[in-house]
Amino acid sequence: MDFELTDEQHMIVETVRKFVTTELDPHADEVERSDQVPPELAERIRRKAIESGLYAANMPAELGGGGLDAVSMTLVERELGKASFALQTLVARPSNILQACTGAQRDRYLHPAIAGKRHDCLAMTEPGAGSDIRGMTTRAVRDGDEYVLNGTKHFISHADMADFVILFAVTGVEQTARGERNLISAFLVDMGTPGFTVRTGSACVSHRGYHQCELSFVDCRIPAEQRLGEEGRGFELMSEWLGASRLTVAATSVGRARRVLDLTTEWAAERAQFGQQIGRFQGVSFQLADMATELEAAELLTMRAAARLDAGTMTDQDAAMAKLYASEALARITDRAVQIFGGMGLMAELPIERYWRDARVERIWDGTSEIQRHIISRSMLRPLGC
């Protein structure tokens, strides 16, 4: 499989790399210290991203987006992955699921999201239902021309900066060979709707400035036309539009690992102990070799999955392998980096400790490592009747 970049892709990489260096990196330390992205800074970065043609690059050109294919989008996310996560997400990728909008929903949600005028967040996870999506308890009950929402969501990323939420809730049950199973539906719910409240969740060690929120719905009424897709087909919408989000995690993990490896290699070449650079010691140089090899393997898995997505042949196993390996490779690479930097690797004076902390969440969100291993193993065993 040939992963040689086209001239256009080289240009995309250089554009994003320059954007990260000039527009995002200068603010990383302040965001890290304050755990906040000032609204005026967020707006400036979004405006610059729109001017650079990077905003909504994942959306089809006919809808007003950048129209990038999966491989090109993976390259964008790889380069953005080198930046502070709270800042890189401002170079927005509106949720692909918004392409399921129909009629007036497109004018109210889809088109403004692509234009950068409105911002979405996804609400699936609950205190009692993380990886077990079907186990959610938030309910949407039809009442005439409205739905009444009741329930709680948590770990909802950047809900404090969103204008509306793409909510998944139970709307019924169906009988299966294994018993009853919840039917899930998706809804578009505007911030400020009566009965809907948002509050910032507990502080997280990973990705400061990028907040996790708790959402509460108490007899919250929304018009039936704010249902996204067919009733009871929300799980299918997730599968159709959100599966590629695992590639985003893989790509950003690869980008972050690349920056960590570059910083660590420079440190090993400059830091002297016992009269020579520490990179001359096999205990250090062999670790660098392992880090580089794992990084290349993670990138190849990620690019292969993206190429297959463009070809329409990507499987759940492809995305799971990329997400699993890239996120776990990032964990090993950042851990080795701390070891090579020694005590300085844990000091806030250098960014290594931040990359080390930030790496931990990648093995949890968008499907834990255990979920990815389940997907991979089931795809191997199911054809054999196991």
Protein backbone atom coordinates (compact mmCIF):
# COMPACT_ATOMS: atom_id res chain seq x y z
CA MET A 1 0.00 0.00 0.00
CA ASP A 2 1.49 3.32 -1.11
CA PHE A 3 1.33 6.11 1.46
CA GLU A 4 3.37 8.61 -0.54
CA LEU A 5 1.68 11.98 -0.07
CA THR A 6 0.36 13.99 -2.98
CA ASP A 7 1.47 17.58 -3.52
CA GLU A 8 -1.88 18.72 -2.13
CA GLN A 9 -1.43 16.60 1.00
CA HIS A 10 2.07 17.97 1.53
CA MET A 11 0.59 21.47 1.33
CA ILE A 12 -2.13 20.53 3.84
CA VAL A 13 0.47 19.18 6.28
CA GLU A 14 2.58 22.33 5.99
CA THR A 15 -0.46 24.58 6.44
CA VAL A 16 -1.58 22.79 9.62
CA ARG A 17 1.98 22.57 10.95
CA LYS A 18 2.42 26.32 10.53
CA PHE A 19 -0.98 26.98 12.12
CA VAL A 20 -0.02 24.91 15.17
CA THR A 21 3.30 26.71 15.52
CA THR A 22 2.01 30.25 15.08
CA GLU A 23 -1.58 30.18 16.37
CA LEU A 24 -1.75 27.42 18.99
CA ASP A 25 1.63 26.73 20.60
CA PRO A 26 2.18 30.29 21.91
CA HIS A 27 -0.88 29.92 24.17
CA ALA A 28 -0.30 26.38 25.43
CA ASP A 29 1.50 27.29 28.66
CA GLU A 30 -1.15 29.79 29.72
CA VAL A 31 -3.97 27.32 29.07
CA GLU A 32 -2.06 24.72 31.07
CA ARG A 33 -1.63 27.08 34.02
CA SER A 34 -5.16 28.50 34.06
CA ASP A 35 -7.12 25.42 32.88
CA GLN A 36 -9.10 27.84 30.72
CA VAL A 37 -9.23 29.06 27.16
CA PRO A 38 -10.31 32.72 27.27
CA PRO A 39 -13.41 33.26 25.07
CA GLU A 40 -11.68 35.97 23.05
CA LEU A 41 -8.75 33.63 22.33
CA ALA A 42 -11.12 30.82 21.34
CA GLU A 43 -12.94 33.12 18.94
CA ARG A 44 -9.68 34.38 17.44
CA ILE A 45 -8.40 30.84 16.82
CA ARG A 46 -11.71 29.81 15.23
CA ARG A 47 -11.63 32.86 12.97
CA LYS A 48 -8.04 32.14 11.94
CA ALA A 49 -8.96 28.50 11.27
CA ILE A 50 -11.83 29.59 9.01
CA GLU A 51 -9.56 32.02 7.16
CA SER A 52 -6.97 29.23 6.70
CA GLY A 53 -9.54 26.82 5.31
CA LEU A 54 -9.01 24.37 8.17
CA TYR A 55 -12.36 24.78 9.89
CA ALA A 56 -14.84 21.94 9.26
CA ALA A 57 -12.34 20.32 6.90
CA ASN A 58 -14.04 16.97 7.55
CA MET A 59 -17.37 18.09 6.10
CA PRO A 60 -18.29 17.63 2.41
CA ALA A 61 -17.51 20.57 0.13
CA GLU A 62 -21.10 20.66 -1.14
CA LEU A 63 -22.20 21.46 2.42
CA GLY A 64 -19.63 24.22 2.79
CA GLY A 65 -16.93 22.16 4.47
CA GLY A 66 -13.34 21.48 3.44
CA GLY A 67 -14.21 18.23 1.71
CA LEU A 68 -11.04 16.41 2.73
CA ASP A 69 -10.85 12.67 2.28
CA ALA A 70 -10.09 10.42 5.25
CA VAL A 71 -6.34 10.20 4.59
CA SER A 72 -5.99 13.98 4.29
CA MET A 73 -8.13 14.50 7.39
CA THR A 74 -5.96 12.02 9.29
CA LEU A 75 -2.91 14.08 8.33
CA VAL A 76 -4.64 17.23 9.62
CA GLU A 77 -5.46 15.56 12.93
CA ARG A 78 -1.94 14.14 13.21
CA GLU A 79 -0.46 17.64 13.01
CA LEU A 80 -3.08 19.14 15.32
CA GLY A 81 -2.28 16.36 17.78
CA LYS A 82 1.03 18.06 18.51
CA ALA A 83 -0.78 21.01 20.08
CA SER A 84 -2.62 21.53 23.36
CA PHE A 85 -5.86 19.56 23.05
CA ALA A 86 -7.97 22.43 24.37
CA LEU A 87 -6.61 24.61 21.57
CA GLN A 88 -6.56 22.09 18.75
CA THR A 89 -10.27 21.35 19.15
CA LEU A 90 -11.02 24.98 18.30
CA VAL A 91 -9.89 24.18 14.77
CA ALA A 92 -13.24 22.51 14.75
CA ARG A 93 -14.34 19.22 13.34
CA PRO A 94 -18.15 19.39 13.64
CA SER A 95 -19.54 15.97 14.39
CA ASN A 96 -20.07 13.93 11.23
CA ILE A 97 -23.41 12.77 12.61
CA LEU A 98 -24.82 16.21 11.80
CA GLN A 99 -24.88 15.10 8.17
CA ALA A 100 -27.94 13.08 9.20
CA CYS A 101 -29.83 16.37 9.65
CA THR A 102 -32.83 16.84 7.39
CA GLY A 103 -35.08 19.75 6.43
CA ALA A 104 -35.05 22.66 8.86
CA GLN A 105 -32.44 20.87 10.99
CA ARG A 106 -29.86 21.64 8.33
CA ASP A 107 -30.46 25.38 8.53
CA ARG A 108 -30.62 25.39 12.32
CA TYR A 109 -27.75 23.03 13.19
CA LEU A 110 -25.73 21.58 10.30
CA HIS A 111 -24.93 24.67 8.23
CA PRO A 112 -24.20 26.97 11.23
CA ALA A 113 -21.88 24.29 12.67
CA ILE A 114 -19.94 24.09 9.41
CA ALA A 115 -19.75 27.89 9.21
CA GLY A 116 -18.42 28.13 12.77
CA LYS A 117 -21.47 29.99 14.04
CA ARG A 118 -22.74 27.19 16.30
CA HIS A 119 -20.84 24.45 18.11
CA ASP A 120 -21.97 20.95 19.01
CA CYS A 121 -21.09 18.34 21.63
CA LEU A 122 -22.00 14.65 21.88
CA ALA A 123 -23.78 13.26 24.94
CA MET A 124 -23.72 9.48 25.30
CA THR A 125 -21.85 8.55 28.48
CA GLU A 126 -23.68 8.27 31.81
CA PRO A 127 -22.53 7.55 35.39
CA GLY A 128 -23.85 3.99 35.05
CA ALA A 129 -23.26 3.51 31.32
CA GLY A 130 -19.83 4.18 29.86
CA SER A 131 -18.71 1.50 27.43
CA ASP A 132 -22.17 -0.11 27.73
CA ILE A 133 -24.03 2.37 25.52
CA ARG A 134 -27.19 0.24 25.47
CA GLY A 135 -27.24 0.45 29.26
CA MET A 136 -27.98 4.18 29.31
CA THR A 137 -30.99 5.26 31.36
CA THR A 138 -31.66 8.78 30.06
CA ARG A 139 -35.10 8.57 28.47
CA ALA A 140 -37.05 10.47 25.86
CA VAL A 141 -40.79 9.89 26.06
CA ARG A 142 -43.04 11.00 23.21
CA ASP A 143 -45.86 13.29 24.31
CA GLY A 144 -47.83 14.50 21.32
CA ASP A 145 -45.60 16.72 19.21
CA GLU A 146 -42.88 16.79 21.85
CA TYR A 147 -40.38 14.56 23.62
CA VAL A 148 -39.86 14.79 27.37
CA LEU A 149 -36.24 14.20 28.39
CA ASN A 150 -35.13 12.94 31.80
CA GLY A 151 -31.72 11.72 32.86
CA THR A 152 -28.06 12.59 33.44
CA LYS A 153 -24.97 12.49 31.26
CA HIS A 154 -21.39 12.94 32.37
CA PHE A 155 -17.88 13.16 30.89
CA ILE A 156 -19.38 15.24 28.07
CA SER A 157 -16.48 16.99 26.38
CA HIS A 158 -16.54 20.79 25.90
CA ALA A 159 -20.27 21.07 26.65
CA ASP A 160 -19.36 24.33 28.40
CA MET A 161 -18.41 25.78 24.99
CA ALA A 162 -21.22 24.25 22.92
CA ASP A 163 -24.42 25.83 21.62
CA PHE A 164 -26.30 22.56 21.34
CA VAL A 165 -25.94 18.93 22.28
CA ILE A 166 -26.43 15.81 20.20
CA LEU A 167 -28.15 13.70 22.83
CA PHE A 168 -28.66 9.93 22.83
CA ALA A 169 -31.55 8.64 24.93
CA VAL A 170 -33.69 5.52 25.33
CA THR A 171 -37.03 5.69 23.50
CA GLY A 172 -38.17 2.08 23.84
CA VAL A 173 -37.15 -1.57 24.12
CA GLU A 174 -37.10 -4.54 21.77
CA GLN A 175 -37.06 -8.27 22.40
CA THR A 176 -33.95 -10.18 21.33
CA ALA A 177 -32.67 -13.73 21.85
CA ARG A 178 -30.81 -12.39 24.87
CA GLY A 179 -33.79 -10.58 26.35
CA GLU A 180 -34.88 -6.96 26.25
CA ARG A 181 -32.59 -4.39 24.65
CA ASN A 182 -32.90 -0.61 24.80
CA LEU A 183 -33.70 1.25 21.62
CA ILE A 184 -31.68 4.44 21.37
CA SER A 185 -32.64 7.64 19.56
CA ALA A 186 -30.69 10.84 18.87
CA PHE A 187 -31.87 14.39 19.53
CA LEU A 188 -30.67 17.95 18.96
CA VAL A 189 -31.09 19.97 22.15
CA ASP A 190 -30.24 23.67 22.40
CA MET A 191 -28.41 25.03 25.40
CA GLY A 192 -30.79 27.06 27.55
CA THR A 193 -33.79 24.81 26.91
CA PRO A 194 -35.91 24.78 30.11
CA GLY A 195 -35.19 21.69 32.19
CA PHE A 196 -31.69 21.27 30.70
CA THR A 197 -28.69 22.34 32.79
CA VAL A 198 -24.93 22.04 32.29
CA ARG A 199 -22.20 22.21 34.90
CA THR A 200 -18.48 21.65 34.72
CA GLY A 201 -17.47 18.23 36.01
CA SER A 202 -14.55 17.23 38.20
CA ALA A 203 -11.07 18.45 37.32
CA CYS A 204 -9.14 16.04 35.09
CA VAL A 205 -5.38 15.52 34.97
CA SER A 206 -5.48 15.18 31.17
CA HIS A 207 -5.99 18.02 28.68
CA ARG A 208 -6.30 21.05 30.91
CA GLY A 209 -8.56 23.71 29.48
CA TYR A 210 -10.69 21.03 27.79
CA HIS A 211 -13.47 20.40 30.25
CA GLN A 212 -15.73 17.45 30.92
CA CYS A 213 -19.27 18.41 31.90
CA GLU A 214 -22.35 16.95 33.50
CA LEU A 215 -25.72 17.40 31.80
CA SER A 216 -29.02 17.12 33.60
CA PHE A 217 -32.45 16.78 31.98
CA VAL A 218 -35.50 17.18 34.20
CA ASP A 219 -38.82 17.12 32.34
CA CYS A 220 -37.05 18.89 29.49
CA ARG A 221 -39.40 19.28 26.55
CA ILE A 222 -38.24 19.57 22.96
CA PRO A 223 -40.21 19.55 19.69
CA ALA A 224 -40.40 16.18 17.96
CA GLU A 225 -38.74 17.68 14.88
CA GLN A 226 -35.51 17.92 16.88
CA ARG A 227 -35.14 14.16 16.78
CA LEU A 228 -32.14 13.28 14.61
CA GLY A 229 -32.90 10.34 12.36
CA GLU A 230 -35.56 7.71 12.93
CA GLU A 231 -36.83 6.83 16.39
CA GLY A 232 -35.00 3.84 17.80
CA ARG A 233 -32.20 4.06 15.22
CA GLY A 234 -29.72 6.10 17.22
CA PHE A 235 -27.34 3.17 17.67
CA GLU A 236 -27.20 2.75 13.90
CA LEU A 237 -26.47 6.47 13.52
CA MET A 238 -23.54 6.08 15.92
CA SER A 239 -22.18 3.19 13.90
CA GLU A 240 -22.61 4.99 10.57
CA TRP A 241 -21.21 8.39 11.47
CA LEU A 242 -19.10 8.07 14.63
CA GLY A 243 -16.98 4.98 13.94
CA ALA A 244 -14.27 7.04 12.26
CA SER A 245 -13.83 9.05 15.49
CA ARG A 246 -11.47 6.30 16.63
CA LEU A 247 -9.20 7.31 13.77
CA THR A 248 -9.15 10.82 15.23
CA VAL A 249 -7.82 9.46 18.52
CA ALA A 250 -5.26 7.36 16.67
CA ALA A 251 -4.10 10.26 14.51
CA THR A 252 -3.76 12.74 17.39
CA SER A 253 -1.91 10.09 19.41
CA VAL A 254 0.54 9.67 16.53
CA GLY A 255 1.08 13.42 16.26
CA ARG A 256 1.64 13.83 19.99
CA ALA A 257 4.01 10.87 20.08
CA ARG A 258 6.01 12.43 17.23
CA ARG A 259 6.48 15.66 19.16
CA VAL A 260 7.47 13.76 22.31
CA LEU A 261 10.01 11.68 20.38
CA ASP A 262 11.51 14.78 18.76
CA LEU A 263 11.89 16.52 22.13
CA THR A 264 13.37 13.40 23.71
CA THR A 265 15.85 12.85 20.89
CA GLU A 266 17.05 16.45 21.16
CA TRP A 267 17.42 16.04 24.94
CA ALA A 268 19.43 12.84 24.54
CA ALA A 269 21.74 14.56 22.07
CA GLU A 270 22.32 17.59 24.34
CA ARG A 271 22.16 16.29 27.91
CA ALA A 272 25.60 15.21 29.17
CA GLN A 273 26.40 12.82 32.03
CA PHE A 274 29.64 11.07 32.84
CA GLY A 275 31.43 13.19 30.26
CA GLN A 276 29.27 12.41 27.22
CA GLN A 277 25.81 12.87 25.77
CA ILE A 278 23.31 10.46 27.31
CA GLY A 279 22.24 9.42 23.81
CA ARG A 280 25.54 7.57 23.54
CA PHE A 281 24.49 5.16 26.27
CA GLN A 282 22.66 2.09 24.98
CA GLY A 283 20.21 2.33 27.87
CA VAL A 284 18.97 5.55 26.29
CA SER A 285 19.62 5.04 22.58
CA PHE A 286 17.87 1.66 22.49
CA GLN A 287 14.81 3.21 24.11
CA LEU A 288 14.79 5.88 21.39
CA ALA A 289 14.95 3.13 18.78
CA ASP A 290 11.97 1.35 20.34
CA MET A 291 10.02 4.61 20.53
CA ALA A 292 10.66 5.37 16.86
CA THR A 293 9.70 1.86 15.77
CA GLU A 294 6.44 1.91 17.72
CA LEU A 295 5.60 5.34 16.34
CA GLU A 296 6.09 4.20 12.75
CA ALA A 297 3.94 1.13 13.35
CA ALA A 298 1.16 3.24 14.91
CA GLU A 299 1.21 5.66 12.00
CA LEU A 300 1.07 2.89 9.41
CA LEU A 301 -1.91 1.25 11.12
CA THR A 302 -3.68 4.60 11.28
CA MET A 303 -2.98 5.53 7.67
CA ARG A 304 -4.01 2.08 6.47
CA ALA A 305 -7.37 2.40 8.23
CA ALA A 306 -7.87 5.88 6.75
CA ALA A 307 -7.04 4.63 3.24
CA ARG A 308 -9.53 1.82 3.66
CA LEU A 309 -12.15 4.29 4.87
CA ASP A 310 -11.68 6.27 1.67
CA ALA A 311 -12.00 3.05 -0.32
CA GLY A 312 -15.16 2.08 1.55
CA THR A 313 -13.53 -1.08 2.94
CA MET A 314 -12.60 -0.04 6.48
CA THR A 315 -13.92 -2.46 9.11
CA ASP A 316 -14.52 -1.93 12.81
CA GLN A 317 -11.43 -4.07 13.34
CA ASP A 318 -9.27 -1.68 11.27
CA ALA A 319 -10.35 1.34 13.32
CA ALA A 320 -10.06 -0.57 16.59
CA MET A 321 -6.51 -1.73 15.81
CA ALA A 322 -5.41 1.79 14.93
CA LYS A 323 -6.96 3.32 18.05
CA LEU A 324 -5.70 0.57 20.34
CA TYR A 325 -2.13 0.50 19.13
CA ALA A 326 -1.64 4.25 18.64
CA SER A 327 -3.03 5.18 22.07
CA GLU A 328 -1.02 2.51 23.86
CA ALA A 329 2.12 3.34 21.87
CA LEU A 330 1.69 6.97 22.96
CA ALA A 331 1.51 5.82 26.58
CA ARG A 332 4.75 3.83 26.26
CA ILE A 333 6.53 6.59 24.37
CA THR A 334 5.63 9.31 26.87
CA ASP A 335 6.59 7.06 29.78
CA ARG A 336 10.01 6.36 28.25
CA ALA A 337 10.41 10.07 27.59
CA VAL A 338 9.91 10.86 31.28
CA GLN A 339 12.54 8.23 32.13
CA ILE A 340 15.07 9.67 29.68
CA PHE A 341 14.46 13.23 30.89
CA GLY A 342 14.84 11.99 34.46
CA GLY A 343 13.66 14.32 37.21
CA MET A 344 13.18 17.16 34.73
CA GLY A 345 10.64 15.02 32.92
CA LEU A 346 8.25 15.47 35.85
CA MET A 347 8.74 19.22 36.20
CA ALA A 348 6.12 21.63 34.90
CA GLU A 349 8.98 23.71 33.46
CA LEU A 350 9.10 21.28 30.52
CA PRO A 351 6.14 19.95 28.50
CA ILE A 352 7.03 16.27 28.91
CA GLU A 353 4.99 15.81 32.10
CA ARG A 354 1.99 17.35 30.32
CA TYR A 355 2.25 14.94 27.40
CA TRP A 356 2.61 12.08 29.89
CA ARG A 357 -0.56 13.12 31.75
CA ASP A 358 -2.50 13.85 28.60
CA ALA A 359 -1.66 10.45 27.11
CA ARG A 360 -3.58 8.55 29.78
CA VAL A 361 -7.09 9.45 28.66
CA GLU A 362 -6.54 8.26 25.08
CA ARG A 363 -6.86 4.63 26.23
CA ILE A 364 -10.25 5.38 27.77
CA TRP A 365 -12.39 7.69 25.67
CA ASP A 366 -13.91 6.76 22.32
CA GLY A 367 -13.87 3.16 23.50
CA THR A 368 -11.45 1.78 26.08
CA SER A 369 -8.53 -0.43 25.10
CA GLU A 370 -10.55 -3.36 26.40
CA ILE A 371 -13.45 -2.50 24.08
CA GLN A 372 -11.05 -2.29 21.13
CA ARG A 373 -9.60 -5.69 21.99
CA HIS A 374 -13.13 -7.07 22.21
CA ILE A 375 -13.97 -5.72 18.74
CA ILE A 376 -10.77 -7.18 17.27
CA SER A 377 -11.09 -10.59 18.90
CA ARG A 378 -14.79 -10.94 18.00
CA SER A 379 -14.02 -10.19 14.36
CA MET A 380 -11.48 -13.03 14.47
CA LEU A 381 -13.59 -15.60 16.31
CA ARG A 382 -17.13 -14.94 15.10
CA PRO A 383 -16.53 -16.35 11.58
CA LEU A 384 -15.41 -19.58 13.23
CA GLY A 385 -18.64 -19.87 15.20
CA CYS A 386 -17.06 -18.89 18.51
